[in-house]
Protein backbone atom coordinates (compact mmCIF):
# COMPACT_ATOMS: atom_id res chain seq x y z
CA MET A 1 40.23 -23.28 -1.99
CA HIS A 2 38.57 -24.66 1.16
CA ILE A 3 34.93 -25.74 0.85
CA ASP A 4 32.80 -26.13 3.93
CA ILE A 5 30.10 -28.63 2.93
CA ASN A 6 28.00 -28.02 6.04
CA SER A 7 28.17 -24.25 5.54
CA ASP A 8 27.26 -24.54 1.84
CA TYR A 9 24.33 -26.85 2.69
CA GLU A 10 22.96 -24.34 5.13
CA THR A 11 23.35 -21.53 2.65
CA ALA A 12 21.46 -23.55 0.10
CA LEU A 13 18.63 -24.11 2.60
CA GLN A 14 18.58 -20.41 3.48
CA LEU A 15 18.21 -19.47 -0.24
CA LEU A 16 15.41 -22.07 -0.67
CA LEU A 17 13.52 -20.71 2.35
CA SER A 18 14.01 -17.19 1.14
CA PHE A 19 12.67 -18.27 -2.31
CA VAL A 20 9.61 -19.87 -0.72
CA ILE A 21 8.84 -16.83 1.44
CA GLY A 22 9.27 -14.47 -1.47
CA SER A 23 7.07 -16.70 -3.72
CA ALA A 24 4.30 -16.90 -1.08
CA ILE A 25 4.15 -13.09 -0.70
CA GLY A 26 4.61 -12.51 -4.45
CA LEU A 27 1.78 -14.84 -5.45
CA GLU A 28 -0.65 -12.87 -3.33
CA ARG A 29 0.57 -9.53 -4.84
CA GLU A 30 0.42 -11.04 -8.38
CA TYR A 31 -3.09 -12.32 -7.78
CA ARG A 32 -4.14 -8.79 -6.97
CA SER A 33 -2.32 -7.42 -10.04
CA LYS A 34 -0.05 -5.17 -7.97
CA ALA A 35 2.95 -3.30 -9.34
CA ALA A 36 5.36 -5.46 -7.40
CA GLY A 37 4.36 -9.02 -8.09
CA LEU A 38 5.80 -12.59 -7.92
CA ARG A 39 9.20 -12.06 -9.54
CA THR A 40 9.80 -8.81 -7.75
CA MET A 41 9.12 -10.20 -4.24
CA ILE A 42 11.27 -13.25 -4.97
CA MET A 43 14.15 -11.06 -6.07
CA ILE A 44 13.81 -8.75 -3.09
CA CYS A 45 13.67 -11.56 -0.56
CA LEU A 46 16.63 -13.44 -2.16
CA GLY A 47 18.70 -10.36 -2.62
CA SER A 48 18.31 -9.47 1.04
CA THR A 49 19.22 -12.96 2.11
CA ILE A 50 22.36 -13.00 -0.07
CA PHE A 51 23.52 -9.58 1.07
CA THR A 52 23.05 -10.70 4.68
CA GLU A 53 24.92 -13.91 4.20
CA ILE A 54 27.82 -12.05 2.51
CA SER A 55 27.97 -9.47 5.37
CA ALA A 56 28.36 -12.26 7.85
CA THR A 57 31.40 -13.69 6.04
CA LEU A 58 33.28 -10.48 5.42
CA THR A 59 36.04 -9.65 7.81
CA ILE A 60 35.11 -6.08 8.44
CA SER A 61 34.67 -4.27 11.69
CA THR A 62 31.14 -3.13 11.01
CA PRO A 63 29.21 -5.88 9.05
CA ASP A 64 25.98 -4.15 9.91
CA ARG A 65 26.74 -1.51 7.24
CA ILE A 66 25.48 -3.94 4.49
CA ALA A 67 22.27 -4.55 6.41
CA SER A 68 21.70 -0.75 6.71
CA ASN A 69 22.31 -0.31 3.06
CA ILE A 70 19.72 -3.00 2.21
CA ILE A 71 17.15 -1.00 4.13
CA THR A 72 18.11 2.20 2.19
CA GLY A 73 17.88 0.39 -1.14
CA VAL A 74 14.55 -1.11 -0.35
CA GLY A 75 13.31 2.37 0.62
CA PHE A 76 13.98 3.57 -2.89
CA LEU A 77 12.15 0.57 -4.33
CA GLY A 78 9.16 1.23 -2.10
CA ALA A 79 9.02 4.88 -3.00
CA GLY A 80 8.80 3.95 -6.64
CA VAL A 81 5.47 2.20 -6.30
CA ILE A 82 3.77 4.94 -4.37
CA PHE A 83 1.90 7.49 -6.56
CA LYS A 84 -0.82 10.08 -6.28
CA ASP A 85 -4.00 9.35 -8.22
CA THR A 86 -6.23 12.38 -8.39
CA LEU A 87 -7.18 13.04 -4.71
CA THR A 88 -5.90 9.73 -3.29
CA ILE A 89 -2.55 8.05 -2.77
CA SER A 90 -2.05 4.47 -3.75
CA GLY A 91 0.77 1.90 -3.45
CA ILE A 92 1.34 2.24 0.30
CA THR A 93 0.54 -1.42 0.98
CA THR A 94 2.76 -2.57 -1.88
CA ALA A 95 5.67 -0.39 -0.60
CA THR A 96 5.34 -1.79 2.96
CA THR A 97 5.21 -5.36 1.47
CA ILE A 98 8.51 -4.75 -0.27
CA TRP A 99 9.93 -3.48 2.97
CA ILE A 100 8.74 -6.50 5.01
CA ALA A 101 9.86 -8.95 2.26
CA ALA A 102 13.41 -7.55 2.53
CA ALA A 103 13.24 -7.84 6.32
CA LEU A 104 12.20 -11.50 6.12
CA GLY A 105 14.98 -12.14 3.64
CA MET A 106 17.43 -10.59 6.08
CA ALA A 107 16.12 -12.70 8.89
CA VAL A 108 16.68 -15.86 6.80
CA GLY A 109 20.26 -14.75 5.96
CA ALA A 110 20.99 -14.16 9.57
CA GLY A 111 19.79 -17.63 10.53
CA GLU A 112 16.69 -16.38 12.39
CA TYR A 113 14.48 -19.00 10.85
CA PHE A 114 11.63 -18.70 13.47
CA ILE A 115 11.40 -14.94 12.99
CA ALA A 116 11.38 -15.43 9.16
CA SER A 117 8.70 -18.24 9.25
CA ALA A 118 6.45 -16.62 11.83
CA GLY A 119 6.86 -13.21 10.17
CA SER A 120 5.94 -14.60 6.71
CA ILE A 121 2.75 -16.28 8.11
CA ALA A 122 1.76 -13.00 9.69
CA VAL A 123 2.30 -11.13 6.45
CA ILE A 124 0.22 -13.56 4.47
CA ILE A 125 -2.57 -13.34 7.03
CA VAL A 126 -2.47 -9.45 6.81
CA LEU A 127 -2.52 -9.54 2.97
CA THR A 128 -5.31 -12.08 2.62
CA ILE A 129 -7.66 -12.36 5.66
CA PHE A 130 -7.38 -8.70 6.58
CA GLU A 131 -8.14 -7.70 3.03
CA ASN A 132 -11.63 -9.17 3.47
CA VAL A 133 -11.99 -7.41 6.85
CA LYS A 134 -11.06 -4.12 5.17
CA LEU A 135 -13.72 -4.76 2.49
CA ILE A 136 -16.36 -5.31 5.18
CA ILE A 137 -15.42 -2.11 7.03
CA THR A 138 -15.31 -0.17 3.75
CA ARG A 139 -18.85 -1.30 2.92
CA PHE A 140 -20.19 0.34 6.04
CA HIS A 141 -17.76 3.25 6.44
CA GLN A 142 -15.60 5.16 4.05
CA ALA A 143 -13.79 8.53 4.10
CA ARG A 144 -13.79 10.26 0.76
CA THR A 145 -12.46 13.62 -0.48
CA TYR A 146 -14.81 15.17 -3.07
CA ARG A 147 -13.62 17.80 -5.48
CA ILE A 148 -16.73 19.40 -7.06
CA THR A 149 -16.57 21.99 -9.83
CA LEU A 150 -19.92 23.81 -10.48
CA LEU A 151 -21.31 26.87 -12.04
CA LYS A 152 -21.62 29.82 -9.74
CA ASP A 153 -24.78 29.20 -7.77
CA ASP A 154 -24.94 29.81 -4.05
CA ILE A 155 -28.28 28.06 -3.79
CA PHE A 156 -26.78 24.87 -5.20
CA ILE A 157 -24.21 24.82 -2.33
CA GLN A 158 -27.10 24.82 0.15
CA GLU A 159 -28.76 22.01 -1.79
CA LEU A 160 -25.49 20.06 -1.89
CA GLU A 161 -24.98 20.22 1.82
CA ALA A 162 -28.64 19.33 2.30
CA THR A 163 -28.07 16.21 0.15
CA PHE A 164 -25.13 15.19 2.36
CA ILE A 165 -27.49 15.37 5.32
CA LYS A 166 -30.28 13.60 3.47
CA HIS A 167 -28.09 10.59 2.76
CA LYS A 168 -26.69 10.54 6.35
CA LEU A 169 -23.17 11.51 5.32
CA ARG A 170 -21.01 13.44 7.75
CA PHE A 171 -19.09 16.20 5.94
CA LEU A 172 -16.68 19.01 6.33
CA GLN A 173 -15.93 21.68 3.73
CA ASP A 174 -12.15 21.55 3.48
CA ARG A 175 -11.50 24.22 0.85
CA TYR A 176 -13.52 26.76 -1.21
CA MET A 177 -12.10 28.26 -4.42
CA LYS A 178 -13.67 30.23 -7.19
CA ASN A 179 -12.77 31.92 -10.50
CA GLU A 180 -14.79 34.01 -12.91
CA GLU A 181 -16.95 31.15 -14.16
CA SER A 182 -17.15 28.50 -11.45
CA TYR A 183 -16.67 27.40 -7.86
CA ILE A 184 -14.45 24.51 -6.75
CA LEU A 185 -15.51 22.85 -3.51
CA ILE A 186 -13.49 20.39 -1.54
CA TYR A 187 -15.42 18.30 0.89
CA GLU A 188 -14.33 15.57 3.35
CA ALA A 189 -17.22 13.15 3.64
CA PHE A 190 -17.75 10.04 5.83
CA GLY A 191 -20.38 7.27 5.52
CA GLY A 192 -21.33 3.91 3.98
CA VAL A 193 -21.11 2.91 0.32
CA LYS A 194 -24.90 3.11 -0.27
CA ASN A 195 -24.95 6.64 1.29
CA PHE A 196 -22.32 7.74 -1.20
CA ASP A 197 -24.20 6.20 -4.06
CA GLY A 198 -27.10 8.54 -3.37
CA LEU A 199 -24.84 11.58 -3.39
CA ASN A 200 -23.10 10.46 -6.60
CA GLU A 201 -26.47 10.06 -8.28
CA PHE A 202 -27.37 13.62 -7.31
CA LEU A 203 -24.03 15.08 -8.57
CA LYS A 204 -24.22 13.03 -11.83
CA ASN A 205 -27.69 14.28 -12.76
CA ASP A 206 -27.51 17.91 -11.75
CA PRO A 207 -26.62 20.07 -14.75
CA ARG A 208 -25.03 22.73 -12.56
CA VAL A 209 -22.22 20.31 -11.74
CA LYS A 210 -19.45 20.63 -14.35
CA ARG A 211 -17.30 17.96 -12.87
CA TYR A 212 -16.76 15.92 -9.70
CA GLU A 213 -14.19 13.44 -8.54
CA TYR A 214 -13.18 11.63 -5.31
């Protein structure tokens, strides 16, 4: 069995770099208690690197097939962390982080170290610094979908929409449903956190509101 020391040394460095990149991304996800944390990101990054290294050594006419299958497999992993929570969908950022971690692992395995290093720095910036930017934007502007269940009362609907206006919230009635005992209203609303606080206080204290969620 022939052993290429130089080749093995480069492979070891690739695995080490992949481990470092996966750890950096995974630590940020673990800190925020996300579904795909430290160990998951390391495994995804390392796995993508190993598969890419193997595809480069196989004597087949289409070595890119392994790379395409990595993307397909990662797609299944990403889909597993996306779920619908009441009226919102969560897990999109975690799914895209899984996707980019695999891409960075593939870059390392292909010997594209600059792409892998620069890409990992960009990912860390997006996940950390841009998180604070998002919080600042969210403080001043949010888009929320309200589902309000109330006793049948046409006057209340007028009061509700007047409350939107009072608290400087832009709104659009998305859907309107009713049954024998109640109305169900779906509103798209836009405004700052403090504006929504006033609306929530109104909904919480009015006895005609059976339930509301956003």
